[in-house]
PDB file of N, CA and C in Angstrom:
ATOM      1  N   MET A   1     -42.687 -17.279 -15.504  1.00  0.00           N
ATOM      2  CA  MET A   1     -42.244 -18.538 -14.951  1.00  0.00           C
ATOM      3  C   MET A   1     -43.246 -19.612 -15.352  1.00  0.00           C
ATOM      4  N   ASN A   2     -42.754 -20.750 -15.753  1.00  0.00           N
ATOM      5  CA  ASN A   2     -43.637 -21.862 -16.066  1.00  0.00           C
ATOM      6  C   ASN A   2     -44.254 -22.388 -14.784  1.00  0.00           C
ATOM      7  N   ILE A   3     -45.515 -22.723 -14.841  1.00  0.00           N
ATOM      8  CA  ILE A   3     -46.188 -23.297 -13.681  1.00  0.00           C
ATOM      9  C   ILE A   3     -45.964 -24.798 -13.719  1.00  0.00           C
ATOM     10  N   ILE A   4     -45.728 -25.369 -12.576  1.00  0.00           N
ATOM     11  CA  ILE A   4     -45.374 -26.772 -12.494  1.00  0.00           C
ATOM     12  C   ILE A   4     -46.574 -27.592 -12.045  1.00  0.00           C
ATOM     13  N   ASN A   5     -46.716 -28.760 -12.636  1.00  0.00           N
ATOM     14  CA  ASN A   5     -47.739 -29.728 -12.230  1.00  0.00           C
ATOM     15  C   ASN A   5     -49.154 -29.175 -12.316  1.00  0.00           C
ATOM     16  N   THR A   6     -49.545 -28.620 -13.457  1.00  0.00           N
ATOM     17  CA  THR A   6     -50.893 -28.080 -13.559  1.00  0.00           C
ATOM     18  C   THR A   6     -51.731 -28.703 -14.660  1.00  0.00           C
ATOM     19  N   ARG A   7     -51.156 -29.471 -15.539  1.00  0.00           N
ATOM     20  CA  ARG A   7     -51.912 -30.051 -16.638  1.00  0.00           C
ATOM     21  C   ARG A   7     -52.056 -31.559 -16.419  1.00  0.00           C
ATOM     22  N   PRO A   8     -53.288 -32.068 -16.285  1.00  0.00           N
ATOM     23  CA  PRO A   8     -53.431 -33.508 -16.091  1.00  0.00           C
ATOM     24  C   PRO A   8     -52.955 -34.270 -17.322  1.00  0.00           C
ATOM     25  N   SER A   9     -52.242 -35.344 -17.110  1.00  0.00           N
ATOM     26  CA  SER A   9     -51.842 -36.206 -18.215  1.00  0.00           C
ATOM     27  C   SER A   9     -52.898 -37.288 -18.380  1.00  0.00           C
ATOM     28  N   ASP A  10     -52.694 -38.174 -19.341  1.00  0.00           N
ATOM     29  CA  ASP A  10     -53.658 -39.250 -19.582  1.00  0.00           C
ATOM     30  C   ASP A  10     -53.793 -40.175 -18.381  1.00  0.00           C
ATOM     31  N   GLU A  11     -52.728 -40.316 -17.611  1.00  0.00           N
ATOM     32  CA  GLU A  11     -52.760 -41.224 -16.461  1.00  0.00           C
ATOM     33  C   GLU A  11     -53.379 -40.588 -15.228  1.00  0.00           C
ATOM     34  N   GLY A  12     -53.741 -39.311 -15.298  1.00  0.00           N
ATOM     35  CA  GLY A  12     -54.327 -38.651 -14.143  1.00  0.00           C
ATOM     36  C   GLY A  12     -53.305 -37.949 -13.272  1.00  0.00           C
ATOM     37  N   SER A  13     -52.012 -38.146 -13.547  1.00  0.00           N
ATOM     38  CA  SER A  13     -51.001 -37.416 -12.795  1.00  0.00           C
ATOM     39  C   SER A  13     -50.799 -36.060 -13.456  1.00  0.00           C
ATOM     40  N   TYR A  14     -49.965 -35.249 -12.886  1.00  0.00           N
ATOM     41  CA  TYR A  14     -49.770 -33.904 -13.409  1.00  0.00           C
ATOM     42  C   TYR A  14     -48.388 -33.760 -14.020  1.00  0.00           C
ATOM     43  N   THR A  15     -48.323 -33.030 -15.121  1.00  0.00           N
ATOM     44  CA  THR A  15     -47.059 -32.811 -15.808  1.00  0.00           C
ATOM     45  C   THR A  15     -46.855 -31.329 -16.053  1.00  0.00           C
ATOM     46  N   LYS A  16     -45.620 -30.955 -16.266  1.00  0.00           N
ATOM     47  CA  LYS A  16     -45.277 -29.562 -16.527  1.00  0.00           C
ATOM     48  C   LYS A  16     -45.692 -29.182 -17.946  1.00  0.00           C
ATOM     49  N   PRO A  17     -46.327 -28.014 -18.113  1.00  0.00           N
ATOM     50  CA  PRO A  17     -46.689 -27.576 -19.463  1.00  0.00           C
ATOM     51  C   PRO A  17     -45.446 -27.386 -20.321  1.00  0.00           C
ATOM     52  N   LYS A  18     -45.585 -27.682 -21.614  1.00  0.00           N
ATOM     53  CA  LYS A  18     -44.478 -27.487 -22.534  1.00  0.00           C
ATOM     54  C   LYS A  18     -44.403 -26.022 -22.932  1.00  0.00           C
ATOM     55  N   GLY A  19     -43.231 -25.556 -23.233  1.00  0.00           N
ATOM     56  CA  GLY A  19     -43.045 -24.173 -23.638  1.00  0.00           C
ATOM     57  C   GLY A  19     -41.615 -23.753 -23.396  1.00  0.00           C
ATOM     58  N   PRO A  20     -41.327 -22.481 -23.580  1.00  0.00           N
ATOM     59  CA  PRO A  20     -39.954 -22.021 -23.368  1.00  0.00           C
ATOM     60  C   PRO A  20     -39.522 -22.235 -21.922  1.00  0.00           C
ATOM     61  N   ILE A  21     -38.265 -22.529 -21.756  1.00  0.00           N
ATOM     62  CA  ILE A  21     -37.725 -22.766 -20.417  1.00  0.00           C
ATOM     63  C   ILE A  21     -37.434 -21.420 -19.766  1.00  0.00           C
ATOM     64  N   ASP A  22     -37.981 -21.239 -18.588  1.00  0.00           N
ATOM     65  CA  ASP A  22     -37.735 -20.023 -17.822  1.00  0.00           C
ATOM     66  C   ASP A  22     -36.427 -20.218 -17.059  1.00  0.00           C
ATOM     67  N   PRO A  23     -35.498 -19.268 -17.135  1.00  0.00           N
ATOM     68  CA  PRO A  23     -34.209 -19.451 -16.471  1.00  0.00           C
ATOM     69  C   PRO A  23     -34.305 -19.594 -14.959  1.00  0.00           C
ATOM     70  N   ILE A  24     -35.397 -19.165 -14.358  1.00  0.00           N
ATOM     71  CA  ILE A  24     -35.516 -19.281 -12.907  1.00  0.00           C
ATOM     72  C   ILE A  24     -36.052 -20.653 -12.485  1.00  0.00           C
ATOM     73  N   ASP A  25     -36.615 -21.424 -13.412  1.00  0.00           N
ATOM     74  CA  ASP A  25     -37.167 -22.733 -13.065  1.00  0.00           C
ATOM     75  C   ASP A  25     -36.185 -23.638 -12.324  1.00  0.00           C
ATOM     76  N   PRO A  26     -34.931 -23.761 -12.779  1.00  0.00           N
ATOM     77  CA  PRO A  26     -34.009 -24.619 -12.029  1.00  0.00           C
ATOM     78  C   PRO A  26     -33.783 -24.132 -10.597  1.00  0.00           C
ATOM     79  N   ILE A  27     -33.781 -22.829 -10.406  1.00  0.00           N
ATOM     80  CA  ILE A  27     -33.598 -22.271  -9.066  1.00  0.00           C
ATOM     81  C   ILE A  27     -34.796 -22.620  -8.195  1.00  0.00           C
ATOM     82  N   VAL A  28     -35.986 -22.450  -8.741  1.00  0.00           N
ATOM     83  CA  VAL A  28     -37.207 -22.776  -8.004  1.00  0.00           C
ATOM     84  C   VAL A  28     -37.208 -24.253  -7.638  1.00  0.00           C
ATOM     85  N   GLN A  29     -36.858 -25.107  -8.587  1.00  0.00           N
ATOM     86  CA  GLN A  29     -36.831 -26.546  -8.324  1.00  0.00           C
ATOM     87  C   GLN A  29     -35.800 -26.897  -7.255  1.00  0.00           C
ATOM     88  N   GLN A  30     -34.628 -26.259  -7.315  1.00  0.00           N
ATOM     89  CA  GLN A  30     -33.582 -26.540  -6.334  1.00  0.00           C
ATOM     90  C   GLN A  30     -34.027 -26.144  -4.931  1.00  0.00           C
ATOM     91  N   VAL A  31     -34.582 -24.956  -4.790  1.00  0.00           N
ATOM     92  CA  VAL A  31     -35.022 -24.489  -3.476  1.00  0.00           C
ATOM     93  C   VAL A  31     -36.174 -25.357  -2.970  1.00  0.00           C
ATOM     94  N   ALA A  32     -37.110 -25.699  -3.843  1.00  0.00           N
ATOM     95  CA  ALA A  32     -38.222 -26.566  -3.440  1.00  0.00           C
ATOM     96  C   ALA A  32     -37.688 -27.903  -2.935  1.00  0.00           C
ATOM     97  N   HIS A  33     -36.707 -28.447  -3.634  1.00  0.00           N
ATOM     98  CA  HIS A  33     -36.111 -29.718  -3.217  1.00  0.00           C
ATOM     99  C   HIS A  33     -35.436 -29.577  -1.851  1.00  0.00           C
ATOM    100  N   GLU A  34     -34.671 -28.493  -1.667  1.00  0.00           N
ATOM    101  CA  GLU A  34     -33.995 -28.264  -0.387  1.00  0.00           C
ATOM    102  C   GLU A  34     -34.990 -28.141   0.762  1.00  0.00           C
ATOM    103  N   LEU A  35     -36.153 -27.542   0.488  1.00  0.00           N
ATOM    104  CA  LEU A  35     -37.164 -27.354   1.529  1.00  0.00           C
ATOM    105  C   LEU A  35     -38.107 -28.553   1.657  1.00  0.00           C
ATOM    106  N   GLY A  36     -37.986 -29.516   0.750  1.00  0.00           N
ATOM    107  CA  GLY A  36     -38.869 -30.677   0.779  1.00  0.00           C
ATOM    108  C   GLY A  36     -40.283 -30.361   0.335  1.00  0.00           C
ATOM    109  N   VAL A  37     -40.425 -29.374  -0.560  1.00  0.00           N
ATOM    110  CA  VAL A  37     -41.741 -28.939  -1.035  1.00  0.00           C
ATOM    111  C   VAL A  37     -41.980 -29.497  -2.429  1.00  0.00           C
ATOM    112  N   THR A  38     -43.153 -30.085  -2.644  1.00  0.00           N
ATOM    113  CA  THR A  38     -43.576 -30.496  -3.974  1.00  0.00           C
ATOM    114  C   THR A  38     -44.460 -29.390  -4.514  1.00  0.00           C
ATOM    115  N   LEU A  39     -43.970 -28.678  -5.520  1.00  0.00           N
ATOM    116  CA  LEU A  39     -44.712 -27.552  -6.078  1.00  0.00           C
ATOM    117  C   LEU A  39     -45.876 -28.033  -6.923  1.00  0.00           C
ATOM    118  N   GLY A  40     -46.923 -27.243  -6.964  1.00  0.00           N
ATOM    119  CA  GLY A  40     -48.030 -27.551  -7.853  1.00  0.00           C
ATOM    120  C   GLY A  40     -49.361 -27.142  -7.286  1.00  0.00           C
ATOM    121  N   ALA A  41     -50.376 -27.370  -8.094  1.00  0.00           N
ATOM    122  CA  ALA A  41     -51.728 -26.969  -7.729  1.00  0.00           C
ATOM    123  C   ALA A  41     -52.257 -27.745  -6.526  1.00  0.00           C
ATOM    124  N   ASP A  42     -51.741 -28.943  -6.302  1.00  0.00           N
ATOM    125  CA  ASP A  42     -52.224 -29.751  -5.183  1.00  0.00           C
ATOM    126  C   ASP A  42     -51.527 -29.422  -3.868  1.00  0.00           C
ATOM    127  N   SER A  43     -50.504 -28.574  -3.910  1.00  0.00           N
ATOM    128  CA  SER A  43     -49.807 -28.159  -2.693  1.00  0.00           C
ATOM    129  C   SER A  43     -50.497 -26.939  -2.099  1.00  0.00           C
ATOM    130  N   THR A  44     -50.258 -26.708  -0.832  1.00  0.00           N
ATOM    131  CA  THR A  44     -50.863 -25.540  -0.188  1.00  0.00           C
ATOM    132  C   THR A  44     -50.144 -24.267  -0.622  1.00  0.00           C
ATOM    133  N   ALA A  45     -50.844 -23.162  -0.510  1.00  0.00           N
ATOM    134  CA  ALA A  45     -50.237 -21.866  -0.825  1.00  0.00           C
ATOM    135  C   ALA A  45     -49.063 -21.608   0.109  1.00  0.00           C
ATOM    136  N   ARG A  46     -49.169 -22.047   1.345  1.00  0.00           N
ATOM    137  CA  ARG A  46     -48.080 -21.860   2.313  1.00  0.00           C
ATOM    138  C   ARG A  46     -46.833 -22.615   1.859  1.00  0.00           C
ATOM    139  N   ALA A  47     -46.999 -23.850   1.400  1.00  0.00           N
ATOM    140  CA  ALA A  47     -45.848 -24.637   0.944  1.00  0.00           C
ATOM    141  C   ALA A  47     -45.232 -24.017  -0.305  1.00  0.00           C
ATOM    142  N   ASN A  48     -46.066 -23.685  -1.282  1.00  0.00           N
ATOM    143  CA  ASN A  48     -45.556 -23.061  -2.506  1.00  0.00           C
ATOM    144  C   ASN A  48     -44.920 -21.710  -2.200  1.00  0.00           C
ATOM    145  N   GLY A  49     -45.530 -20.934  -1.314  1.00  0.00           N
ATOM    146  CA  GLY A  49     -45.014 -19.616  -0.963  1.00  0.00           C
ATOM    147  C   GLY A  49     -43.699 -19.669  -0.212  1.00  0.00           C
ATOM    148  N   SER A  50     -43.466 -20.752   0.507  1.00  0.00           N
ATOM    149  CA  SER A  50     -42.204 -20.861   1.245  1.00  0.00           C
ATOM    150  C   SER A  50     -41.013 -20.891   0.296  1.00  0.00           C
ATOM    151  N   VAL A  51     -41.220 -21.427  -0.896  1.00  0.00           N
ATOM    152  CA  VAL A  51     -40.145 -21.463  -1.891  1.00  0.00           C
ATOM    153  C   VAL A  51     -39.819 -20.042  -2.346  1.00  0.00           C
ATOM    154  N   GLY A  52     -40.847 -19.277  -2.695  1.00  0.00           N
ATOM    155  CA  GLY A  52     -40.637 -17.886  -3.100  1.00  0.00           C
ATOM    156  C   GLY A  52     -40.016 -17.061  -1.988  1.00  0.00           C
ATOM    157  N   GLY A  53     -40.438 -17.306  -0.766  1.00  0.00           N
ATOM    158  CA  GLY A  53     -39.877 -16.585   0.373  1.00  0.00           C
ATOM    159  C   GLY A  53     -38.403 -16.882   0.569  1.00  0.00           C
ATOM    160  N   GLU A  54     -38.028 -18.135   0.408  1.00  0.00           N
ATOM    161  CA  GLU A  54     -36.621 -18.515   0.560  1.00  0.00           C
ATOM    162  C   GLU A  54     -35.775 -17.910  -0.553  1.00  0.00           C
ATOM    163  N   ILE A  55     -36.282 -17.911  -1.778  1.00  0.00           N
ATOM    164  CA  ILE A  55     -35.553 -17.292  -2.887  1.00  0.00           C
ATOM    165  C   ILE A  55     -35.362 -15.804  -2.607  1.00  0.00           C
ATOM    166  N   THR A  56     -36.410 -15.151  -2.131  1.00  0.00           N
ATOM    167  CA  THR A  56     -36.322 -13.723  -1.815  1.00  0.00           C
ATOM    168  C   THR A  56     -35.275 -13.465  -0.737  1.00  0.00           C
ATOM    169  N   LYS A  57     -35.258 -14.281   0.320  1.00  0.00           N
ATOM    170  CA  LYS A  57     -34.263 -14.115   1.384  1.00  0.00           C
ATOM    171  C   LYS A  57     -32.850 -14.219   0.832  1.00  0.00           C
ATOM    172  N   ARG A  58     -32.631 -15.190  -0.037  1.00  0.00           N
ATOM    173  CA  ARG A  58     -31.296 -15.384  -0.600  1.00  0.00           C
ATOM    174  C   ARG A  58     -30.899 -14.216  -1.497  1.00  0.00           C
ATOM    175  N   LEU A  59     -31.837 -13.739  -2.306  1.00  0.00           N
ATOM    176  CA  LEU A  59     -31.529 -12.617  -3.195  1.00  0.00           C
ATOM    177  C   LEU A  59     -31.256 -11.339  -2.411  1.00  0.00           C
ATOM    178  N   VAL A  60     -32.002 -11.115  -1.337  1.00  0.00           N
ATOM    179  CA  VAL A  60     -31.756  -9.944  -0.487  1.00  0.00           C
ATOM    180  C   VAL A  60     -30.373 -10.051   0.153  1.00  0.00           C
ATOM    181  N   ALA A  61     -30.015 -11.228   0.632  1.00  0.00           N
ATOM    182  CA  ALA A  61     -28.694 -11.414   1.239  1.00  0.00           C
ATOM    183  C   ALA A  61     -27.589 -11.125   0.231  1.00  0.00           C
ATOM    184  N   ILE A  62     -27.767 -11.581  -1.001  1.00  0.00           N
ATOM    185  CA  ILE A  62     -26.776 -11.313  -2.048  1.00  0.00           C
ATOM    186  C   ILE A  62     -26.687  -9.813  -2.307  1.00  0.00           C
ATOM    187  N   GLY A  63     -27.834  -9.155  -2.413  1.00  0.00           N
ATOM    188  CA  GLY A  63     -27.853  -7.713  -2.653  1.00  0.00           C
ATOM    189  C   GLY A  63     -27.157  -6.941  -1.553  1.00  0.00           C
ATOM    190  N   LEU A  64     -27.416  -7.317  -0.310  1.00  0.00           N
ATOM    191  CA  LEU A  64     -26.773  -6.637   0.819  1.00  0.00           C
ATOM    192  C   LEU A  64     -25.266  -6.846   0.803  1.00  0.00           C
ATOM    193  N   GLN A  65     -24.851  -8.062   0.483  1.00  0.00           N
ATOM    194  CA  GLN A  65     -23.416  -8.331   0.432  1.00  0.00           C
ATOM    195  C   GLN A  65     -22.759  -7.588  -0.725  1.00  0.00           C
ATOM    196  N   LYS A  66     -23.443  -7.498  -1.865  1.00  0.00           N
ATOM    197  CA  LYS A  66     -22.894  -6.740  -2.995  1.00  0.00           C
ATOM    198  C   LYS A  66     -22.739  -5.269  -2.623  1.00  0.00           C
ATOM    199  N   MET A  67     -23.746  -4.729  -1.945  1.00  0.00           N
ATOM    200  CA  MET A  67     -23.692  -3.321  -1.555  1.00  0.00           C
ATOM    201  C   MET A  67     -22.552  -3.053  -0.580  1.00  0.00           C
ATOM    202  N   SER A  68     -22.246  -4.022   0.255  1.00  0.00           N
ATOM    203  CA  SER A  68     -21.161  -3.837   1.219  1.00  0.00           C
ATOM    204  C   SER A  68     -19.805  -4.160   0.602  1.00  0.00           C
ATOM    205  N   GLY A  69     -19.808  -4.702  -0.618  1.00  0.00           N
ATOM    206  CA  GLY A  69     -18.557  -5.024  -1.302  1.00  0.00           C
ATOM    207  C   GLY A  69     -17.883  -6.268  -0.792  1.00  0.00           C
ATOM    208  N   SER A  70     -18.630  -7.127  -0.094  1.00  0.00           N
ATOM    209  CA  SER A  70     -17.999  -8.294   0.514  1.00  0.00           C
ATOM    210  C   SER A  70     -18.030  -9.545  -0.353  1.00  0.00           C
ATOM    211  N   ILE A  71     -18.643  -9.471  -1.542  1.00  0.00           N
ATOM    212  CA  ILE A  71     -18.640 -10.639  -2.417  1.00  0.00           C
ATOM    213  C   ILE A  71     -18.321 -10.211  -3.836  1.00  0.00           C
ATOM    214  N   SER A  72     -17.935 -11.184  -4.659  1.00  0.00           N
ATOM    215  CA  SER A  72     -17.617 -10.911  -6.056  1.00  0.00           C
ATOM    216  C   SER A  72     -18.902 -10.622  -6.834  1.00  0.00           C
ATOM    217  N   PRO A  73     -18.800 -10.040  -8.024  1.00  0.00           N
ATOM    218  CA  PRO A  73     -19.996  -9.672  -8.793  1.00  0.00           C
ATOM    219  C   PRO A  73     -20.883 -10.846  -9.198  1.00  0.00           C
ATOM    220  N   GLN A  74     -20.351 -12.051  -9.336  1.00  0.00           N
ATOM    221  CA  GLN A  74     -21.146 -13.195  -9.775  1.00  0.00           C
ATOM    222  C   GLN A  74     -21.112 -14.325  -8.740  1.00  0.00           C
ATOM    223  N   PRO A  75     -21.749 -14.150  -7.584  1.00  0.00           N
ATOM    224  CA  PRO A  75     -21.716 -15.199  -6.559  1.00  0.00           C
ATOM    225  C   PRO A  75     -22.660 -16.338  -6.906  1.00  0.00           C
ATOM    226  N   ASP A  76     -22.458 -17.450  -6.247  1.00  0.00           N
ATOM    227  CA  ASP A  76     -23.414 -18.543  -6.340  1.00  0.00           C
ATOM    228  C   ASP A  76     -24.484 -18.243  -5.297  1.00  0.00           C
ATOM    229  N   PRO A  77     -25.697 -17.818  -5.720  1.00  0.00           N
ATOM    230  CA  PRO A  77     -26.708 -17.369  -4.760  1.00  0.00           C
ATOM    231  C   PRO A  77     -27.191 -18.456  -3.823  1.00  0.00           C
ATOM    232  N   TRP A  78     -26.926 -19.695  -4.136  1.00  0.00           N
ATOM    233  CA  TRP A  78     -27.468 -20.772  -3.313  1.00  0.00           C
ATOM    234  C   TRP A  78     -26.481 -21.229  -2.263  1.00  0.00           C
ATOM    235  N   LYS A  79     -25.279 -20.665  -2.268  1.00  0.00           N
ATOM    236  CA  LYS A  79     -24.304 -20.983  -1.230  1.00  0.00           C
ATOM    237  C   LYS A  79     -24.170 -19.853  -0.221  1.00  0.00           C
ATOM    238  N   VAL A  80     -24.819 -18.728  -0.481  1.00  0.00           N
ATOM    239  CA  VAL A  80     -24.685 -17.549   0.371  1.00  0.00           C
ATOM    240  C   VAL A  80     -25.183 -17.811   1.782  1.00  0.00           C
ATOM    241  N   LEU A  81     -26.310 -18.471   1.910  1.00  0.00           N
ATOM    242  CA  LEU A  81     -26.911 -18.650   3.235  1.00  0.00           C
ATOM    243  C   LEU A  81     -26.645 -20.016   3.842  1.00  0.00           C
ATOM    244  N   HIS A  82     -25.769 -20.786   3.238  1.00  0.00           N
ATOM    245  CA  HIS A  82     -25.511 -22.123   3.776  1.00  0.00           C
ATOM    246  C   HIS A  82     -24.234 -22.139   4.553  1.00  0.00           C
TER     247      HIS A  82
END
């Protein structure tokens, strides 16, 4: 996963490192936005970790529903818990 906001730019603000796009980045950004968390080195571990925790909760819910046969094979994981 690409790390967000870790490389200082010329203006002193932080920018995302360039490189291949990780397919999970949009999911991380969406969940962070929903939780009101600004990801990065200047955020607390608790704030950054809350994003990972929420993603894990959603993925577990999808897995449980798949095992019970109550959802289709390709659900929208971000609508499961809403």
